[in-house]
Full PDB file with SEQRES, HELIX, SHEET, SSBOND, CRYST1, ORIGX, SCALE, CONECT and MASTER records, all heavy atoms in Angstrom:
SEQRES   1 A   34  TYR TYR ASP ILE GLY VAL ALA VAL GLY GLY GLY LYS GLY          
SEQRES   2 A   34  LEU VAL VAL PRO VAL ILE ARG ASN SER GLU ARG LEU SER          
SEQRES   3 A   34  PHE ALA GLU ILE GLU LEU GLN ILE                              
HELIX    1 AA1 SER A   22  ARG A   24  5                                   3    
HELIX    2 AA2 PHE A   27  GLN A   33  1                                   7    
SHEET    1 AA1 2 ILE A   4  GLY A   5  0                                        
SHEET    2 AA1 2 VAL A  18  ILE A  19 -1                                        
CRYST1    1.000    1.000    1.000  90.00  90.00  90.00 P 1           1          
ORIGX1      1.000000  0.000000  0.000000        0.00000                         
ORIGX2      0.000000  1.000000  0.000000        0.00000                         
ORIGX3      0.000000  0.000000  1.000000        0.00000                         
SCALE1      1.000000  0.000000  0.000000        0.00000                         
SCALE2      0.000000  1.000000  0.000000        0.00000                         
SCALE3      0.000000  0.000000  1.000000        0.00000                         
ATOM      1  N   TYR A   1       5.774   9.659 -10.689  1.00  0.00           N  
ATOM      2  CA  TYR A   1       5.163   9.328  -9.340  1.00  0.00           C  
ATOM      3  C   TYR A   1       5.393   7.989  -8.962  1.00  0.00           C  
ATOM      4  O   TYR A   1       5.910   7.106  -9.716  1.00  0.00           O  
ATOM      5  CB  TYR A   1       3.711   9.662  -9.430  1.00  0.00           C  
ATOM      6  CG  TYR A   1       2.972   8.939 -10.376  1.00  0.00           C  
ATOM      7  CD1 TYR A   1       2.583   7.522 -10.260  1.00  0.00           C  
ATOM      8  CD2 TYR A   1       2.611   9.504 -11.622  1.00  0.00           C  
ATOM      9  CE1 TYR A   1       1.847   6.897 -11.300  1.00  0.00           C  
ATOM     10  CE2 TYR A   1       1.983   8.887 -12.661  1.00  0.00           C  
ATOM     11  CZ  TYR A   1       1.529   7.525 -12.491  1.00  0.00           C  
ATOM     12  OH  TYR A   1       0.969   6.865 -13.448  1.00  0.00           O  
ATOM     13  N   TYR A   2       5.202   7.662  -7.638  1.00  0.00           N  
ATOM     14  CA  TYR A   2       5.662   6.352  -7.075  1.00  0.00           C  
ATOM     15  C   TYR A   2       4.481   5.654  -6.419  1.00  0.00           C  
ATOM     16  O   TYR A   2       4.248   5.835  -5.189  1.00  0.00           O  
ATOM     17  CB  TYR A   2       6.856   6.518  -6.212  1.00  0.00           C  
ATOM     18  CG  TYR A   2       7.934   7.163  -6.841  1.00  0.00           C  
ATOM     19  CD1 TYR A   2       8.144   8.513  -6.929  1.00  0.00           C  
ATOM     20  CD2 TYR A   2       8.875   6.424  -7.593  1.00  0.00           C  
ATOM     21  CE1 TYR A   2       9.244   9.161  -7.461  1.00  0.00           C  
ATOM     22  CE2 TYR A   2      10.000   7.035  -8.216  1.00  0.00           C  
ATOM     23  CZ  TYR A   2      10.140   8.437  -8.216  1.00  0.00           C  
ATOM     24  OH  TYR A   2      11.158   9.071  -8.898  1.00  0.00           O  
ATOM     25  N   ASP A   3       3.779   4.990  -7.172  1.00  0.00           N  
ATOM     26  CA  ASP A   3       2.621   4.140  -6.631  1.00  0.00           C  
ATOM     27  C   ASP A   3       3.196   2.664  -6.255  1.00  0.00           C  
ATOM     28  O   ASP A   3       3.440   1.981  -7.254  1.00  0.00           O  
ATOM     29  CB  ASP A   3       1.441   4.116  -7.639  1.00  0.00           C  
ATOM     30  CG  ASP A   3       0.811   5.451  -7.882  1.00  0.00           C  
ATOM     31  OD1 ASP A   3       1.085   6.372  -7.005  1.00  0.00           O  
ATOM     32  OD2 ASP A   3      -0.008   5.560  -8.676  1.00  0.00           O  
ATOM     33  N   ILE A   4       3.216   2.429  -5.080  1.00  0.00           N  
ATOM     34  CA  ILE A   4       3.824   1.081  -4.678  1.00  0.00           C  
ATOM     35  C   ILE A   4       2.740   0.091  -4.250  1.00  0.00           C  
ATOM     36  O   ILE A   4       1.977   0.462  -3.287  1.00  0.00           O  
ATOM     37  CB  ILE A   4       4.834   1.386  -3.537  1.00  0.00           C  
ATOM     38  CG1 ILE A   4       5.870   2.467  -3.783  1.00  0.00           C  
ATOM     39  CG2 ILE A   4       5.557  -0.005  -3.150  1.00  0.00           C  
ATOM     40  CD1 ILE A   4       6.678   2.146  -4.999  1.00  0.00           C  
ATOM     41  N   GLY A   5       2.771  -1.047  -4.943  1.00  0.00           N  
ATOM     42  CA  GLY A   5       1.755  -2.094  -4.458  1.00  0.00           C  
ATOM     43  C   GLY A   5       2.310  -2.915  -3.372  1.00  0.00           C  
ATOM     44  O   GLY A   5       3.540  -3.175  -3.235  1.00  0.00           O  
ATOM     45  N   VAL A   6       1.499  -3.294  -2.394  1.00  0.00           N  
ATOM     46  CA  VAL A   6       1.920  -4.034  -1.279  1.00  0.00           C  
ATOM     47  C   VAL A   6       0.915  -5.343  -1.347  1.00  0.00           C  
ATOM     48  O   VAL A   6      -0.293  -5.352  -1.166  1.00  0.00           O  
ATOM     49  CB  VAL A   6       1.724  -3.370   0.038  1.00  0.00           C  
ATOM     50  CG1 VAL A   6       2.036  -4.225   1.149  1.00  0.00           C  
ATOM     51  CG2 VAL A   6       2.532  -2.051  -0.034  1.00  0.00           C  
ATOM     52  N   ALA A   7       1.562  -6.471  -1.475  1.00  0.00           N  
ATOM     53  CA  ALA A   7       0.835  -7.855  -1.539  1.00  0.00           C  
ATOM     54  C   ALA A   7       0.287  -8.060  -0.108  1.00  0.00           C  
ATOM     55  O   ALA A   7       0.998  -8.101   0.840  1.00  0.00           O  
ATOM     56  CB  ALA A   7       1.921  -8.834  -1.963  1.00  0.00           C  
ATOM     57  N   VAL A   8      -0.983  -8.397  -0.106  1.00  0.00           N  
ATOM     58  CA  VAL A   8      -1.619  -8.711   1.090  1.00  0.00           C  
ATOM     59  C   VAL A   8      -2.563  -9.983   0.896  1.00  0.00           C  
ATOM     60  O   VAL A   8      -3.163 -10.098  -0.038  1.00  0.00           O  
ATOM     61  CB  VAL A   8      -2.627  -7.519   1.372  1.00  0.00           C  
ATOM     62  CG1 VAL A   8      -3.474  -7.824   2.791  1.00  0.00           C  
ATOM     63  CG2 VAL A   8      -1.863  -6.267   1.707  1.00  0.00           C  
ATOM     64  N   GLY A   9      -2.411 -10.904   1.887  1.00  0.00           N  
ATOM     65  CA  GLY A   9      -3.245 -12.029   1.836  1.00  0.00           C  
ATOM     66  C   GLY A   9      -4.621 -11.750   2.210  1.00  0.00           C  
ATOM     67  O   GLY A   9      -4.892 -11.263   3.315  1.00  0.00           O  
ATOM     68  N   GLY A  10      -5.627 -12.004   1.352  1.00  0.00           N  
ATOM     69  CA  GLY A  10      -7.017 -11.792   1.657  1.00  0.00           C  
ATOM     70  C   GLY A  10      -7.825 -13.122   1.859  1.00  0.00           C  
ATOM     71  O   GLY A  10      -7.249 -14.165   1.585  1.00  0.00           O  
ATOM     72  N   GLY A  11      -9.120 -12.948   2.012  1.00  0.00           N  
ATOM     73  CA  GLY A  11      -9.960 -14.082   2.313  1.00  0.00           C  
ATOM     74  C   GLY A  11     -10.039 -14.843   0.996  1.00  0.00           C  
ATOM     75  O   GLY A  11     -10.265 -16.190   1.082  1.00  0.00           O  
ATOM     76  N   LYS A  12      -9.892 -14.368  -0.115  1.00  0.00           N  
ATOM     77  CA  LYS A  12     -10.128 -15.044  -1.347  1.00  0.00           C  
ATOM     78  C   LYS A  12      -8.789 -15.254  -2.167  1.00  0.00           C  
ATOM     79  O   LYS A  12      -8.849 -15.858  -3.201  1.00  0.00           O  
ATOM     80  CB  LYS A  12     -11.116 -14.215  -2.339  1.00  0.00           C  
ATOM     81  CG  LYS A  12     -12.400 -14.091  -1.672  1.00  0.00           C  
ATOM     82  CD  LYS A  12     -13.184 -15.441  -1.436  1.00  0.00           C  
ATOM     83  CE  LYS A  12     -14.627 -15.097  -0.993  1.00  0.00           C  
ATOM     84  NZ  LYS A  12     -15.347 -16.311  -0.707  1.00  0.00           N  
ATOM     85  N   GLY A  13      -7.709 -14.840  -1.555  1.00  0.00           N  
ATOM     86  CA  GLY A  13      -6.528 -15.074  -2.317  1.00  0.00           C  
ATOM     87  C   GLY A  13      -5.621 -13.706  -2.157  1.00  0.00           C  
ATOM     88  O   GLY A  13      -5.944 -12.781  -1.508  1.00  0.00           O  
ATOM     89  N   LEU A  14      -4.449 -13.755  -2.773  1.00  0.00           N  
ATOM     90  CA  LEU A  14      -3.427 -12.619  -2.681  1.00  0.00           C  
ATOM     91  C   LEU A  14      -3.992 -11.491  -3.572  1.00  0.00           C  
ATOM     92  O   LEU A  14      -4.383 -11.628  -4.618  1.00  0.00           O  
ATOM     93  CB  LEU A  14      -2.157 -13.095  -3.194  1.00  0.00           C  
ATOM     94  CG  LEU A  14      -0.983 -12.064  -3.072  1.00  0.00           C  
ATOM     95  CD1 LEU A  14      -0.608 -11.960  -1.627  1.00  0.00           C  
ATOM     96  CD2 LEU A  14       0.113 -12.505  -4.004  1.00  0.00           C  
ATOM     97  N   VAL A  15      -4.002 -10.243  -2.838  1.00  0.00           N  
ATOM     98  CA  VAL A  15      -4.395  -9.046  -3.647  1.00  0.00           C  
ATOM     99  C   VAL A  15      -3.234  -8.072  -3.388  1.00  0.00           C  
ATOM    100  O   VAL A  15      -2.481  -8.157  -2.475  1.00  0.00           O  
ATOM    101  CB  VAL A  15      -5.723  -8.476  -3.070  1.00  0.00           C  
ATOM    102  CG1 VAL A  15      -6.864  -9.418  -3.456  1.00  0.00           C  
ATOM    103  CG2 VAL A  15      -5.600  -8.242  -1.535  1.00  0.00           C  
ATOM    104  N   VAL A  16      -3.140  -7.111  -4.352  1.00  0.00           N  
ATOM    105  CA  VAL A  16      -2.065  -6.170  -4.304  1.00  0.00           C  
ATOM    106  C   VAL A  16      -2.651  -4.747  -4.398  1.00  0.00           C  
ATOM    107  O   VAL A  16      -2.648  -4.105  -5.425  1.00  0.00           O  
ATOM    108  CB  VAL A  16      -1.055  -6.351  -5.442  1.00  0.00           C  
ATOM    109  CG1 VAL A  16       0.194  -5.408  -5.295  1.00  0.00           C  
ATOM    110  CG2 VAL A  16      -0.546  -7.794  -5.499  1.00  0.00           C  
ATOM    111  N   PRO A  17      -3.194  -4.164  -3.291  1.00  0.00           N  
ATOM    112  CA  PRO A  17      -3.569  -2.877  -3.226  1.00  0.00           C  
ATOM    113  C   PRO A  17      -2.385  -1.880  -3.333  1.00  0.00           C  
ATOM    114  O   PRO A  17      -1.282  -2.263  -3.121  1.00  0.00           O  
ATOM    115  CB  PRO A  17      -4.343  -2.655  -1.964  1.00  0.00           C  
ATOM    116  CG  PRO A  17      -3.710  -3.680  -1.117  1.00  0.00           C  
ATOM    117  CD  PRO A  17      -3.331  -4.861  -1.985  1.00  0.00           C  
ATOM    118  N   VAL A  18      -2.633  -0.620  -3.831  1.00  0.00           N  
ATOM    119  CA  VAL A  18      -1.574   0.222  -4.386  1.00  0.00           C  
ATOM    120  C   VAL A  18      -1.674   1.518  -3.384  1.00  0.00           C  
ATOM    121  O   VAL A  18      -2.641   2.087  -3.179  1.00  0.00           O  
ATOM    122  CB  VAL A  18      -1.634   0.741  -5.743  1.00  0.00           C  
ATOM    123  CG1 VAL A  18      -0.643   1.818  -6.080  1.00  0.00           C  
ATOM    124  CG2 VAL A  18      -1.618  -0.410  -6.715  1.00  0.00           C  
ATOM    125  N   ILE A  19      -0.435   1.761  -2.795  1.00  0.00           N  
ATOM    126  CA  ILE A  19      -0.230   2.969  -2.018  1.00  0.00           C  
ATOM    127  C   ILE A  19       0.104   4.107  -3.028  1.00  0.00           C  
ATOM    128  O   ILE A  19       1.269   4.146  -3.552  1.00  0.00           O  
ATOM    129  CB  ILE A  19       0.870   2.884  -0.930  1.00  0.00           C  
ATOM    130  CG1 ILE A  19       0.588   1.756  -0.079  1.00  0.00           C  
ATOM    131  CG2 ILE A  19       1.042   4.113  -0.150  1.00  0.00           C  
ATOM    132  CD1 ILE A  19       1.679   1.419   0.950  1.00  0.00           C  
ATOM    133  N   ARG A  20      -0.762   5.003  -3.275  1.00  0.00           N  
ATOM    134  CA  ARG A  20      -0.646   6.142  -4.239  1.00  0.00           C  
ATOM    135  C   ARG A  20       0.287   7.154  -3.663  1.00  0.00           C  
ATOM    136  O   ARG A  20       0.167   7.566  -2.576  1.00  0.00           O  
ATOM    137  CB  ARG A  20      -1.979   6.721  -4.644  1.00  0.00           C  
ATOM    138  CG  ARG A  20      -3.092   5.711  -5.033  1.00  0.00           C  
ATOM    139  CD  ARG A  20      -2.726   4.997  -6.358  1.00  0.00           C  
ATOM    140  NE  ARG A  20      -3.904   4.074  -6.706  1.00  0.00           N  
ATOM    141  CZ  ARG A  20      -3.947   3.322  -7.769  1.00  0.00           C  
ATOM    142  NH1 ARG A  20      -2.890   3.348  -8.601  1.00  0.00           N  
ATOM    143  NH2 ARG A  20      -4.849   2.505  -7.880  1.00  0.00           N  
ATOM    144  N   ASN A  21       1.156   7.634  -4.620  1.00  0.00           N  
ATOM    145  CA  ASN A  21       1.993   8.788  -4.256  1.00  0.00           C  
ATOM    146  C   ASN A  21       2.812   8.548  -3.027  1.00  0.00           C  
ATOM    147  O   ASN A  21       2.845   9.436  -2.020  1.00  0.00           O  
ATOM    148  CB  ASN A  21       1.258  10.082  -4.166  1.00  0.00           C  
ATOM    149  CG  ASN A  21       0.522  10.518  -5.487  1.00  0.00           C  
ATOM    150  OD1 ASN A  21       1.142  10.515  -6.455  1.00  0.00           O  
ATOM    151  ND2 ASN A  21      -0.671  10.878  -5.334  1.00  0.00           N  
ATOM    152  N   SER A  22       3.418   7.491  -2.904  1.00  0.00           N  
ATOM    153  CA  SER A  22       4.180   7.022  -1.631  1.00  0.00           C  
ATOM    154  C   SER A  22       5.249   8.057  -1.338  1.00  0.00           C  
ATOM    155  O   SER A  22       5.521   8.194  -0.112  1.00  0.00           O  
ATOM    156  CB  SER A  22       4.785   5.557  -1.908  1.00  0.00           C  
ATOM    157  OG  SER A  22       3.795   4.701  -2.077  1.00  0.00           O  
ATOM    158  N   GLU A  23       5.791   8.776  -2.254  1.00  0.00           N  
ATOM    159  CA  GLU A  23       6.903   9.660  -2.059  1.00  0.00           C  
ATOM    160  C   GLU A  23       6.361  10.871  -1.119  1.00  0.00           C  
ATOM    161  O   GLU A  23       7.253  11.545  -0.558  1.00  0.00           O  
ATOM    162  CB  GLU A  23       7.418  10.210  -3.365  1.00  0.00           C  
ATOM    163  CG  GLU A  23       6.644  11.137  -4.080  1.00  0.00           C  
ATOM    164  CD  GLU A  23       5.540  10.542  -4.977  1.00  0.00           C  
ATOM    165  OE1 GLU A  23       5.254   9.294  -4.855  1.00  0.00           O  
ATOM    166  OE2 GLU A  23       4.968  11.231  -5.713  1.00  0.00           O  
ATOM    167  N   ARG A  24       5.108  11.005  -1.041  1.00  0.00           N  
ATOM    168  CA  ARG A  24       4.528  12.285  -0.353  1.00  0.00           C  
ATOM    169  C   ARG A  24       4.074  11.767   1.007  1.00  0.00           C  
ATOM    170  O   ARG A  24       3.689  12.640   1.832  1.00  0.00           O  
ATOM    171  CB  ARG A  24       3.310  12.814  -1.060  1.00  0.00           C  
ATOM    172  CG  ARG A  24       3.665  13.187  -2.558  1.00  0.00           C  
ATOM    173  CD  ARG A  24       2.392  13.773  -3.233  1.00  0.00           C  
ATOM    174  NE  ARG A  24       2.646  14.126  -4.607  1.00  0.00           N  
ATOM    175  CZ  ARG A  24       1.772  14.490  -5.531  1.00  0.00           C  
ATOM    176  NH1 ARG A  24       0.512  14.726  -5.049  1.00  0.00           N  
ATOM    177  NH2 ARG A  24       1.918  14.782  -6.671  1.00  0.00           N  
ATOM    178  N   LEU A  25       4.101  10.515   1.358  1.00  0.00           N  
ATOM    179  CA  LEU A  25       3.472  10.112   2.654  1.00  0.00           C  
ATOM    180  C   LEU A  25       4.495  10.010   3.666  1.00  0.00           C  
ATOM    181  O   LEU A  25       5.730   9.622   3.355  1.00  0.00           O  
ATOM    182  CB  LEU A  25       2.830   8.674   2.400  1.00  0.00           C  
ATOM    183  CG  LEU A  25       1.649   8.655   1.324  1.00  0.00           C  
ATOM    184  CD1 LEU A  25       1.063   7.410   1.291  1.00  0.00           C  
ATOM    185  CD2 LEU A  25       0.645   9.647   1.567  1.00  0.00           C  
ATOM    186  N   SER A  26       4.084  10.101   4.931  1.00  0.00           N  
ATOM    187  CA  SER A  26       4.929  10.019   6.100  1.00  0.00           C  
ATOM    188  C   SER A  26       5.024   8.518   6.436  1.00  0.00           C  
ATOM    189  O   SER A  26       4.187   7.660   5.986  1.00  0.00           O  
ATOM    190  CB  SER A  26       4.400  10.689   7.289  1.00  0.00           C  
ATOM    191  OG  SER A  26       3.075  10.292   7.672  1.00  0.00           O  
ATOM    192  N   PHE A  27       5.801   8.117   7.365  1.00  0.00           N  
ATOM    193  CA  PHE A  27       5.889   6.724   7.901  1.00  0.00           C  
ATOM    194  C   PHE A  27       4.495   6.385   8.439  1.00  0.00           C  
ATOM    195  O   PHE A  27       3.922   5.271   8.189  1.00  0.00           O  
ATOM    196  CB  PHE A  27       6.917   6.706   8.924  1.00  0.00           C  
ATOM    197  CG  PHE A  27       8.213   6.509   8.410  1.00  0.00           C  
ATOM    198  CD1 PHE A  27       8.991   7.621   8.097  1.00  0.00           C  
ATOM    199  CD2 PHE A  27       8.940   5.273   8.354  1.00  0.00           C  
ATOM    200  CE1 PHE A  27      10.282   7.541   7.535  1.00  0.00           C  
ATOM    201  CE2 PHE A  27      10.281   5.200   7.885  1.00  0.00           C  
ATOM    202  CZ  PHE A  27      10.883   6.296   7.465  1.00  0.00           C  
ATOM    203  N   ALA A  28       3.901   7.265   9.193  1.00  0.00           N  
ATOM    204  CA  ALA A  28       2.561   6.984   9.801  1.00  0.00           C  
ATOM    205  C   ALA A  28       1.537   6.825   8.797  1.00  0.00           C  
ATOM    206  O   ALA A  28       0.657   5.820   8.923  1.00  0.00           O  
ATOM    207  CB  ALA A  28       2.142   8.094  10.800  1.00  0.00           C  
ATOM    208  N   GLU A  29       1.563   7.500   7.798  1.00  0.00           N  
ATOM    209  CA  GLU A  29       0.499   7.552   6.693  1.00  0.00           C  
ATOM    210  C   GLU A  29       0.606   6.181   5.951  1.00  0.00           C  
ATOM    211  O   GLU A  29      -0.458   5.543   5.558  1.00  0.00           O  
ATOM    212  CB  GLU A  29       0.516   8.737   5.927  1.00  0.00           C  
ATOM    213  CG  GLU A  29       0.139  10.082   6.443  1.00  0.00           C  
ATOM    214  CD  GLU A  29       0.325  11.127   5.592  1.00  0.00           C  
ATOM    215  OE1 GLU A  29       1.400  11.159   4.858  1.00  0.00           O  
ATOM    216  OE2 GLU A  29      -0.394  12.109   5.537  1.00  0.00           O  
ATOM    217  N   ILE A  30       1.851   5.714   5.709  1.00  0.00           N  
ATOM    218  CA  ILE A  30       2.148   4.532   5.058  1.00  0.00           C  
ATOM    219  C   ILE A  30       1.591   3.385   5.966  1.00  0.00           C  
ATOM    220  O   ILE A  30       0.892   2.434   5.551  1.00  0.00           O  
ATOM    221  CB  ILE A  30       3.508   4.363   4.791  1.00  0.00           C  
ATOM    222  CG1 ILE A  30       3.966   5.305   3.633  1.00  0.00           C  
ATOM    223  CG2 ILE A  30       3.735   3.017   4.226  1.00  0.00           C  
ATOM    224  CD1 ILE A  30       5.455   5.422   3.331  1.00  0.00           C  
ATOM    225  N   GLU A  31       1.957   3.291   7.145  1.00  0.00           N  
ATOM    226  CA  GLU A  31       1.478   2.251   8.103  1.00  0.00           C  
ATOM    227  C   GLU A  31       0.105   2.199   8.293  1.00  0.00           C  
ATOM    228  O   GLU A  31      -0.479   1.158   8.317  1.00  0.00           O  
ATOM    229  CB  GLU A  31       2.181   2.454   9.494  1.00  0.00           C  
ATOM    230  CG  GLU A  31       3.762   2.265   9.582  1.00  0.00           C  
ATOM    231  CD  GLU A  31       4.136   0.836   9.258  1.00  0.00           C  
ATOM    232  OE1 GLU A  31       3.332  -0.022   9.227  1.00  0.00           O  
ATOM    233  OE2 GLU A  31       5.349   0.613   9.142  1.00  0.00           O  
ATOM    234  N   LEU A  32      -0.611   3.330   8.350  1.00  0.00           N  
ATOM    235  CA  LEU A  32      -2.057   3.367   8.548  1.00  0.00           C  
ATOM    236  C   LEU A  32      -2.693   2.790   7.258  1.00  0.00           C  
ATOM    237  O   LEU A  32      -3.752   2.071   7.314  1.00  0.00           O  
ATOM    238  CB  LEU A  32      -2.485   4.801   8.805  1.00  0.00           C  
ATOM    239  CG  LEU A  32      -2.309   5.291  10.180  1.00  0.00           C  
ATOM    240  CD1 LEU A  32      -2.455   6.853  10.211  1.00  0.00           C  
ATOM    241  CD2 LEU A  32      -3.125   4.747  11.226  1.00  0.00           C  
ATOM    242  N   GLN A  33      -2.137   3.112   6.055  1.00  0.00           N  
ATOM    243  CA  GLN A  33      -2.851   2.662   4.799  1.00  0.00           C  
ATOM    244  C   GLN A  33      -2.627   1.171   4.707  1.00  0.00           C  
ATOM    245  O   GLN A  33      -3.580   0.464   4.213  1.00  0.00           O  
ATOM    246  CB  GLN A  33      -2.219   3.341   3.731  1.00  0.00           C  
ATOM    247  CG  GLN A  33      -2.993   3.337   2.423  1.00  0.00           C  
ATOM    248  CD  GLN A  33      -2.774   4.443   1.354  1.00  0.00           C  
ATOM    249  OE1 GLN A  33      -1.685   4.299   0.885  1.00  0.00           O  
ATOM    250  NE2 GLN A  33      -3.591   5.354   1.303  1.00  0.00           N  
ATOM    251  N   ILE A  34      -1.390   0.657   5.092  1.00  0.00           N  
ATOM    252  CA  ILE A  34      -1.048  -0.765   4.909  1.00  0.00           C  
ATOM    253  C   ILE A  34      -2.119  -1.509   5.936  1.00  0.00           C  
ATOM    254  O   ILE A  34      -2.642  -2.580   5.450  1.00  0.00           O  
ATOM    255  CB  ILE A  34       0.299  -1.057   5.204  1.00  0.00           C  
ATOM    256  CG1 ILE A  34       1.238  -0.474   4.088  1.00  0.00           C  
ATOM    257  CG2 ILE A  34       0.550  -2.553   5.364  1.00  0.00           C  
ATOM    258  CD1 ILE A  34       2.675  -0.608   4.402  1.00  0.00           C  
TER     259      ILE A  34                                                      
MASTER        0    0    0    2    2    0    0    6  258    1    0    3          
END                                                                             
């Protein structure tokens, strides 16, 4: 499977939330999650 972390600048520092099963998501679903 392909869980892709996306680095995001947060209020307390850099965090890397993960987009689970990215291979199954559409462009819109990825953009909405980010």
